[in-house]
N, C-alpha and C. Protein backbone atom coordinates (compact mmCIF):
# COMPACT_ATOMS: atom_id res chain seq x y z
N MET A 1 9.39 13.46 86.17
CA MET A 1 9.68 13.71 85.40
C MET A 1 9.53 15.70 84.91
N GLN A 2 10.04 17.04 84.43
CA GLN A 2 9.83 17.79 84.92
C GLN A 2 8.91 18.40 83.60
N ASN A 3 7.90 19.02 83.91
CA ASN A 3 7.18 20.12 82.55
C ASN A 3 7.62 21.66 82.70
N PHE A 4 7.88 21.86 81.71
CA PHE A 4 8.72 23.34 81.59
C PHE A 4 7.56 24.11 80.75
N VAL A 5 7.85 25.23 81.38
CA VAL A 5 6.29 26.26 80.64
C VAL A 5 6.65 27.35 79.88
N VAL A 6 6.75 27.34 78.31
CA VAL A 6 7.36 27.93 77.27
C VAL A 6 6.58 29.72 77.74
N LYS A 7 7.15 30.64 77.74
CA LYS A 7 6.96 31.73 77.49
C LYS A 7 6.60 32.60 76.37
N LYS A 8 5.63 33.00 75.79
CA LYS A 8 5.37 33.97 74.31
C LYS A 8 6.46 35.60 75.09
N SER A 9 7.79 35.57 74.16
CA SER A 9 8.45 37.03 74.30
C SER A 9 8.40 37.72 73.19
N LEU A 10 7.50 38.36 73.22
CA LEU A 10 7.81 39.86 71.76
C LEU A 10 9.41 40.37 71.83
N THR A 11 9.62 40.49 73.01
CA THR A 11 10.85 41.31 72.42
C THR A 11 11.87 40.43 71.80
N GLU A 12 12.04 39.07 72.37
CA GLU A 12 13.13 38.16 71.63
C GLU A 12 12.36 37.74 70.39
N THR A 13 11.18 37.77 70.50
CA THR A 13 10.62 37.33 69.05
C THR A 13 11.36 38.50 67.79
N LEU A 14 11.15 39.92 68.25
CA LEU A 14 11.43 40.67 67.19
C LEU A 14 13.14 40.75 67.28
N ARG A 15 13.84 40.63 68.06
CA ARG A 15 15.15 40.49 68.10
C ARG A 15 15.73 39.36 67.46
N ARG A 16 14.90 38.59 67.18
CA ARG A 16 15.53 37.35 66.13
C ARG A 16 15.15 37.52 64.61
N MET A 17 14.17 38.77 64.24
CA MET A 17 14.03 38.46 62.88
C MET A 17 15.32 39.12 62.23
N LYS A 18 15.36 38.95 60.83
CA LYS A 18 16.48 39.66 60.17
C LYS A 18 15.88 41.16 59.53
N VAL A 19 16.97 41.25 59.14
CA VAL A 19 17.13 42.90 58.54
C VAL A 19 15.98 42.47 57.53
N GLY A 20 14.71 43.35 57.33
CA GLY A 20 14.01 43.51 56.39
C GLY A 20 12.99 43.00 56.12
N ASP A 21 12.52 41.50 57.35
CA ASP A 21 11.82 41.21 57.98
C ASP A 21 10.77 41.54 58.44
N LYS A 22 9.46 41.54 57.79
CA LYS A 22 8.26 42.04 58.13
C LYS A 22 7.39 40.90 58.62
N MET A 23 6.37 41.63 59.72
CA MET A 23 5.39 40.46 60.71
C MET A 23 4.47 41.09 61.19
N ARG A 24 3.09 40.55 60.98
CA ARG A 24 1.97 40.97 60.94
C ARG A 24 1.62 40.50 63.13
N ILE A 25 1.51 41.32 63.85
CA ILE A 25 0.91 40.92 65.35
C ILE A 25 -0.35 40.97 65.53
N LYS A 26 -1.14 39.97 65.96
CA LYS A 26 -2.74 40.06 66.22
C LYS A 26 -2.70 41.12 67.50
N SER A 27 -3.74 41.53 67.63
CA SER A 27 -3.66 42.24 69.03
C SER A 27 -4.28 41.32 70.37
N ARG A 28 -4.61 39.86 69.33
CA ARG A 28 -5.24 38.93 70.72
C ARG A 28 -4.21 38.50 71.01
N ASP A 29 -2.78 38.42 70.67
CA ASP A 29 -1.57 38.09 70.85
C ASP A 29 -1.27 38.78 71.85
N PHE A 30 -0.43 40.14 71.22
CA PHE A 30 -0.14 41.32 72.27
C PHE A 30 -0.82 41.98 71.94
N LYS A 31 -0.66 43.43 72.81
CA LYS A 31 -1.82 44.78 72.53
C LYS A 31 -0.61 45.75 71.90
N LEU A 32 -1.03 46.57 71.48
CA LEU A 32 -0.28 47.64 71.00
C LEU A 32 0.84 48.02 72.00
N SER A 33 0.45 48.19 72.98
CA SER A 33 1.22 49.07 74.06
C SER A 33 2.42 48.58 74.10
N ALA A 34 2.02 46.67 74.32
CA ALA A 34 3.53 46.11 74.78
C ALA A 34 4.29 45.33 73.50
N VAL A 35 4.03 46.10 71.96
CA VAL A 35 4.60 46.12 70.94
C VAL A 35 5.42 47.20 70.97
N LYS A 36 4.92 48.15 71.36
CA LYS A 36 5.70 49.81 71.35
C LYS A 36 6.99 49.53 72.62
N THR A 37 6.66 48.48 73.59
CA THR A 37 7.35 48.99 74.99
C THR A 37 8.77 48.23 74.56
N ALA A 38 8.09 46.89 73.81
CA ALA A 38 9.02 46.20 72.95
C ALA A 38 9.92 46.64 71.68
N LYS A 39 9.37 47.56 71.27
CA LYS A 39 10.28 48.23 70.11
C LYS A 39 11.27 49.04 70.89
N ASN A 40 10.87 49.88 72.03
CA ASN A 40 11.24 50.72 72.77
C ASN A 40 12.69 50.08 73.35
N ARG A 41 12.35 48.93 73.89
CA ARG A 41 13.47 48.22 74.59
C ARG A 41 14.69 47.69 73.61
N LEU A 42 14.06 47.42 72.08
CA LEU A 42 15.08 47.26 71.27
C LEU A 42 16.36 48.29 70.95
N LYS A 43 15.56 49.40 70.86
CA LYS A 43 15.83 50.93 70.34
C LYS A 43 17.21 51.12 71.64
N LYS A 44 17.04 50.77 72.65
CA LYS A 44 18.11 51.08 73.07
C LYS A 44 19.49 50.17 73.16
N GLU A 45 19.39 48.86 72.48
CA GLU A 45 20.14 47.84 72.47
C GLU A 45 20.63 47.96 70.64
N GLY A 46 20.29 49.05 69.68
CA GLY A 46 20.63 49.75 68.77
C GLY A 46 19.93 48.75 67.89
N ILE A 47 18.54 48.03 67.90
CA ILE A 47 17.76 47.62 66.57
C ILE A 47 16.83 48.32 66.78
N ASP A 48 16.45 48.82 65.21
CA ASP A 48 15.27 49.23 64.93
C ASP A 48 14.25 48.82 64.48
N ILE A 49 12.72 49.28 64.85
CA ILE A 49 11.95 49.03 64.44
C ILE A 49 11.05 49.29 63.88
N LYS A 50 10.50 49.22 63.02
CA LYS A 50 9.49 49.89 62.13
C LYS A 50 7.93 49.81 62.40
N LEU A 51 6.98 50.40 63.07
CA LEU A 51 5.94 50.07 63.68
C LEU A 51 4.47 50.77 62.78
N SER A 52 3.89 49.68 62.44
CA SER A 52 2.62 49.98 61.23
C SER A 52 1.33 49.73 61.82
N GLU A 53 0.21 50.25 61.91
CA GLU A 53 -0.63 49.96 62.11
C GLU A 53 -1.46 50.35 61.33
N ALA A 54 -1.42 51.19 60.00
CA ALA A 54 -2.41 52.14 59.21
C ALA A 54 -3.27 50.82 58.54
N GLY A 55 -4.13 51.17 58.54
CA GLY A 55 -5.20 50.32 57.80
C GLY A 55 -5.50 48.76 58.10
N MET A 56 -5.09 48.96 59.07
CA MET A 56 -5.26 47.39 59.79
C MET A 56 -6.50 47.14 61.00
N ILE A 57 -7.07 46.33 60.88
CA ILE A 57 -7.91 46.15 62.15
C ILE A 57 -7.61 45.07 63.36
N ASP A 58 -7.65 45.12 64.22
CA ASP A 58 -7.30 44.45 65.26
C ASP A 58 -5.74 43.65 65.18
N GLU A 59 -4.82 44.43 64.47
CA GLU A 59 -3.32 43.90 64.21
C GLU A 59 -2.60 44.90 63.67
N CYS A 60 -1.12 45.16 63.75
CA CYS A 60 -0.06 45.77 63.47
C CYS A 60 1.19 44.68 62.71
N GLU A 61 1.90 45.55 62.57
CA GLU A 61 2.71 45.20 61.05
C GLU A 61 4.28 45.77 62.29
N VAL A 62 5.22 45.28 62.25
CA VAL A 62 6.41 45.72 62.31
C VAL A 62 7.41 45.20 61.44
N THR A 63 8.31 46.23 61.24
CA THR A 63 9.70 45.51 60.22
C THR A 63 10.80 45.56 60.85
N ARG A 64 11.76 44.82 60.54
CA ARG A 64 13.05 45.10 61.43
C ARG A 64 14.14 46.10 60.15
N LEU A 65 14.63 47.10 60.88
CA LEU A 65 15.46 47.77 60.07
C LEU A 65 16.68 47.67 59.87
N ASN A 66 17.53 47.96 60.74
CA ASN A 66 18.36 47.18 60.97
C ASN A 66 18.99 45.70 61.94
């Protein structure tokens, strides 16, 4: 019997969001720099993500634009 390791993938999670969906990401799950990196990776694929951290402590909000 084999055990599979499931890895959290922020890029894949953001890719699977529908247009207009919003998601809050806690800093303990992913650092802001990792969120920015995932956002830039997806921008190269033509997927626009809006990132906001205004007024939030230890979290940020992402919105899929297209």
